[in-house]
Amino acid sequence: MEKNKKRQHYIWKYYLKPWTSHDIIWCKRKNNIFKASLENIGHENYFYLTKSLNNVEQDFLVNLIKNQIPRENHFIIFQDLLLFCNFSNNSDDFTMKNGLENYHSSIEGKAVPW
């Protein structure tokens, strides 16, 4: 069974890697300056947790896509919206907490060689 990913990074660690020394990065949060590992910075518990969209939110997003996004991009954007809705409307708690995180991880994994 797949493990639950509670600590979800909102900053890709491969993006931050060039600013590290021995896998340690210096950070500043408000007036506090500190050192951290890439595993311990830029994350939040269940950052990618999906919540169901109500009808107003769904209609807003569909209209936004139709009216503000170039037509040639509609297919891919609607696919992403449908994927989000599949995660958020799933009755499985694991999927709601980890579906979007796993999706992002798969994309990031493909970008590592670049």
C-alpha atoms as a PDB file:
ATOM      1  CA  MET A   1       0.000   0.000   0.000  1.00  0.00           C
ATOM      2  CA  GLU A   2       1.220   3.480  -0.862  1.00  0.00           C
ATOM      3  CA  LYS A   3       2.409   5.623   2.023  1.00  0.00           C
ATOM      4  CA  ASN A   4       0.555   8.800   3.009  1.00  0.00           C
ATOM      5  CA  LYS A   5       2.599  11.952   2.233  1.00  0.00           C
ATOM      6  CA  LYS A   6       1.811  14.368   5.034  1.00  0.00           C
ATOM      7  CA  ARG A   7       4.730  16.805   4.496  1.00  0.00           C
ATOM      8  CA  GLN A   8       4.073  18.209   1.024  1.00  0.00           C
ATOM      9  CA  HIS A   9       6.569  20.634  -0.487  1.00  0.00           C
ATOM     10  CA  TYR A  10       5.308  23.755  -2.221  1.00  0.00           C
ATOM     11  CA  ILE A  11       8.836  24.626  -3.360  1.00  0.00           C
ATOM     12  CA  TRP A  12      10.478  21.957  -5.497  1.00  0.00           C
ATOM     13  CA  LYS A  13      13.695  20.866  -3.806  1.00  0.00           C
ATOM     14  CA  TYR A  14      15.496  20.504  -7.166  1.00  0.00           C
ATOM     15  CA  TYR A  15      14.784  24.188  -7.769  1.00  0.00           C
ATOM     16  CA  LEU A  16      16.450  25.094  -4.453  1.00  0.00           C
ATOM     17  CA  LYS A  17      19.371  22.647  -4.814  1.00  0.00           C
ATOM     18  CA  PRO A  18      21.738  25.114  -6.579  1.00  0.00           C
ATOM     19  CA  TRP A  19      21.552  27.424  -3.537  1.00  0.00           C
ATOM     20  CA  THR A  20      22.648  24.722  -1.087  1.00  0.00           C
ATOM     21  CA  SER A  21      26.002  23.807   0.371  1.00  0.00           C
ATOM     22  CA  HIS A  22      26.219  20.190   1.530  1.00  0.00           C
ATOM     23  CA  ASP A  23      22.409  20.001   1.164  1.00  0.00           C
ATOM     24  CA  ILE A  24      21.926  22.908   3.595  1.00  0.00           C
ATOM     25  CA  ILE A  25      20.250  26.164   2.598  1.00  0.00           C
ATOM     26  CA  TRP A  26      20.147  29.483   4.451  1.00  0.00           C
ATOM     27  CA  CYS A  27      16.652  30.903   4.899  1.00  0.00           C
ATOM     28  CA  LYS A  28      15.098  34.113   6.141  1.00  0.00           C
ATOM     29  CA  ARG A  29      11.585  34.171   7.550  1.00  0.00           C
ATOM     30  CA  LYS A  30      10.557  37.573   8.912  1.00  0.00           C
ATOM     31  CA  ASN A  31      13.613  38.640  10.988  1.00  0.00           C
ATOM     32  CA  ASN A  32      14.797  35.096  11.644  1.00  0.00           C
ATOM     33  CA  ILE A  33      17.784  33.748   9.654  1.00  0.00           C
ATOM     34  CA  PHE A  34      18.426  30.012   9.910  1.00  0.00           C
ATOM     35  CA  LYS A  35      19.880  26.947   8.174  1.00  0.00           C
ATOM     36  CA  ALA A  36      17.682  24.084   6.967  1.00  0.00           C
ATOM     37  CA  SER A  37      17.858  20.951   4.877  1.00  0.00           C
ATOM     38  CA  LEU A  38      15.839  20.798   1.679  1.00  0.00           C
ATOM     39  CA  GLU A  39      13.596  18.225   3.326  1.00  0.00           C
ATOM     40  CA  ASN A  40      12.743  20.655   6.141  1.00  0.00           C
ATOM     41  CA  ILE A  41      11.972  23.817   4.194  1.00  0.00           C
ATOM     42  CA  GLY A  42       9.173  24.895   1.863  1.00  0.00           C
ATOM     43  CA  HIS A  43       6.590  22.365   2.993  1.00  0.00           C
ATOM     44  CA  GLU A  44       3.268  22.269   4.763  1.00  0.00           C
ATOM     45  CA  ASN A  45       1.209  19.374   6.052  1.00  0.00           C
ATOM     46  CA  TYR A  46      -1.217  18.303   3.319  1.00  0.00           C
ATOM     47  CA  PHE A  47      -0.546  21.414   1.236  1.00  0.00           C
ATOM     48  CA  TYR A  48      -2.158  19.749  -1.829  1.00  0.00           C
ATOM     49  CA  LEU A  49      -5.263  18.500  -0.015  1.00  0.00           C
ATOM     50  CA  THR A  50      -8.146  18.834  -2.454  1.00  0.00           C
ATOM     51  CA  LYS A  51     -11.582  20.033  -1.405  1.00  0.00           C
ATOM     52  CA  SER A  52     -14.709  19.739  -3.510  1.00  0.00           C
ATOM     53  CA  LEU A  53     -15.675  22.730  -5.613  1.00  0.00           C
ATOM     54  CA  ASN A  54     -19.260  23.918  -5.376  1.00  0.00           C
ATOM     55  CA  ASN A  55     -21.309  24.744  -8.508  1.00  0.00           C
ATOM     56  CA  VAL A  56     -20.471  28.457  -8.358  1.00  0.00           C
ATOM     57  CA  GLU A  57     -16.719  27.712  -8.174  1.00  0.00           C
ATOM     58  CA  GLN A  58     -16.947  25.179 -11.015  1.00  0.00           C
ATOM     59  CA  ASP A  59     -18.913  27.583 -13.224  1.00  0.00           C
ATOM     60  CA  PHE A  60     -16.444  30.367 -12.469  1.00  0.00           C
ATOM     61  CA  LEU A  61     -13.475  28.213 -13.504  1.00  0.00           C
ATOM     62  CA  VAL A  62     -15.157  26.929 -16.669  1.00  0.00           C
ATOM     63  CA  ASN A  63     -16.045  30.502 -17.714  1.00  0.00           C
ATOM     64  CA  LEU A  64     -12.552  31.710 -16.855  1.00  0.00           C
ATOM     65  CA  ILE A  65     -10.985  29.010 -19.011  1.00  0.00           C
ATOM     66  CA  LYS A  66     -13.382  29.616 -21.914  1.00  0.00           C
ATOM     67  CA  ASN A  67     -13.013  33.397 -21.847  1.00  0.00           C
ATOM     68  CA  GLN A  68      -9.430  34.044 -20.696  1.00  0.00           C
ATOM     69  CA  ILE A  69      -7.367  31.092 -21.923  1.00  0.00           C
ATOM     70  CA  PRO A  70      -6.427  30.728 -25.608  1.00  0.00           C
ATOM     71  CA  ARG A  71      -8.657  28.143 -27.286  1.00  0.00           C
ATOM     72  CA  GLU A  72      -5.727  25.907 -28.238  1.00  0.00           C
ATOM     73  CA  ASN A  73      -4.994  25.406 -24.513  1.00  0.00           C
ATOM     74  CA  HIS A  74      -8.550  24.547 -23.444  1.00  0.00           C
ATOM     75  CA  PHE A  75      -8.134  20.777 -23.730  1.00  0.00           C
ATOM     76  CA  ILE A  76      -5.132  20.534 -21.400  1.00  0.00           C
ATOM     77  CA  ILE A  77      -6.548  23.033 -18.886  1.00  0.00           C
ATOM     78  CA  PHE A  78      -9.907  21.236 -18.774  1.00  0.00           C
ATOM     79  CA  GLN A  79      -8.048  17.934 -18.283  1.00  0.00           C
ATOM     80  CA  ASP A  80      -6.285  19.417 -15.249  1.00  0.00           C
ATOM     81  CA  LEU A  81      -9.564  20.758 -13.854  1.00  0.00           C
ATOM     82  CA  LEU A  82     -11.195  17.360 -14.328  1.00  0.00           C
ATOM     83  CA  LEU A  83      -8.241  15.672 -12.617  1.00  0.00           C
ATOM     84  CA  PHE A  84      -8.541  18.074  -9.664  1.00  0.00           C
ATOM     85  CA  CYS A  85     -12.289  17.381  -9.431  1.00  0.00           C
ATOM     86  CA  ASN A  86     -11.641  13.629  -9.517  1.00  0.00           C
ATOM     87  CA  PHE A  87      -9.239  13.957  -6.581  1.00  0.00           C
ATOM     88  CA  SER A  88     -11.457  16.308  -4.591  1.00  0.00           C
ATOM     89  CA  ASN A  89     -14.717  14.436  -5.128  1.00  0.00           C
ATOM     90  CA  ASN A  90     -13.185  11.078  -4.276  1.00  0.00           C
ATOM     91  CA  SER A  91     -14.567   9.477  -1.146  1.00  0.00           C
ATOM     92  CA  ASP A  92     -11.132   7.976  -0.424  1.00  0.00           C
ATOM     93  CA  ASP A  93      -9.340  10.143   2.150  1.00  0.00           C
ATOM     94  CA  PHE A  94      -5.940   9.021   0.834  1.00  0.00           C
ATOM     95  CA  THR A  95      -6.734  10.254  -2.697  1.00  0.00           C
ATOM     96  CA  MET A  96      -7.977  13.616  -1.437  1.00  0.00           C
ATOM     97  CA  LYS A  97      -4.779  14.100   0.595  1.00  0.00           C
ATOM     98  CA  ASN A  98      -2.234  12.658  -1.841  1.00  0.00           C
ATOM     99  CA  GLY A  99      -3.684  12.668  -5.378  1.00  0.00           C
ATOM    100  CA  LEU A 100      -2.538  16.150  -6.369  1.00  0.00           C
ATOM    101  CA  GLU A 101       0.807  15.708  -4.571  1.00  0.00           C
ATOM    102  CA  ASN A 102       1.459  12.483  -6.504  1.00  0.00           C
ATOM    103  CA  TYR A 103       0.472  14.173  -9.778  1.00  0.00           C
ATOM    104  CA  HIS A 104       2.929  17.031  -9.157  1.00  0.00           C
ATOM    105  CA  SER A 105       5.636  14.565  -8.115  1.00  0.00           C
ATOM    106  CA  SER A 106       5.278  12.672 -11.397  1.00  0.00           C
ATOM    107  CA  ILE A 107       5.701  15.895 -13.393  1.00  0.00           C
ATOM    108  CA  GLU A 108       8.668  16.994 -11.261  1.00  0.00           C
ATOM    109  CA  GLY A 109      10.296  13.586 -11.682  1.00  0.00           C
ATOM    110  CA  LYS A 110      10.227  14.012 -15.457  1.00  0.00           C
ATOM    111  CA  ALA A 111      11.876  17.440 -15.133  1.00  0.00           C
ATOM    112  CA  VAL A 112      14.820  16.312 -12.976  1.00  0.00           C
ATOM    113  CA  PRO A 113      17.090  15.462 -15.950  1.00  0.00           C
ATOM    114  CA  TRP A 114      16.558  18.962 -17.369  1.00  0.00           C
END
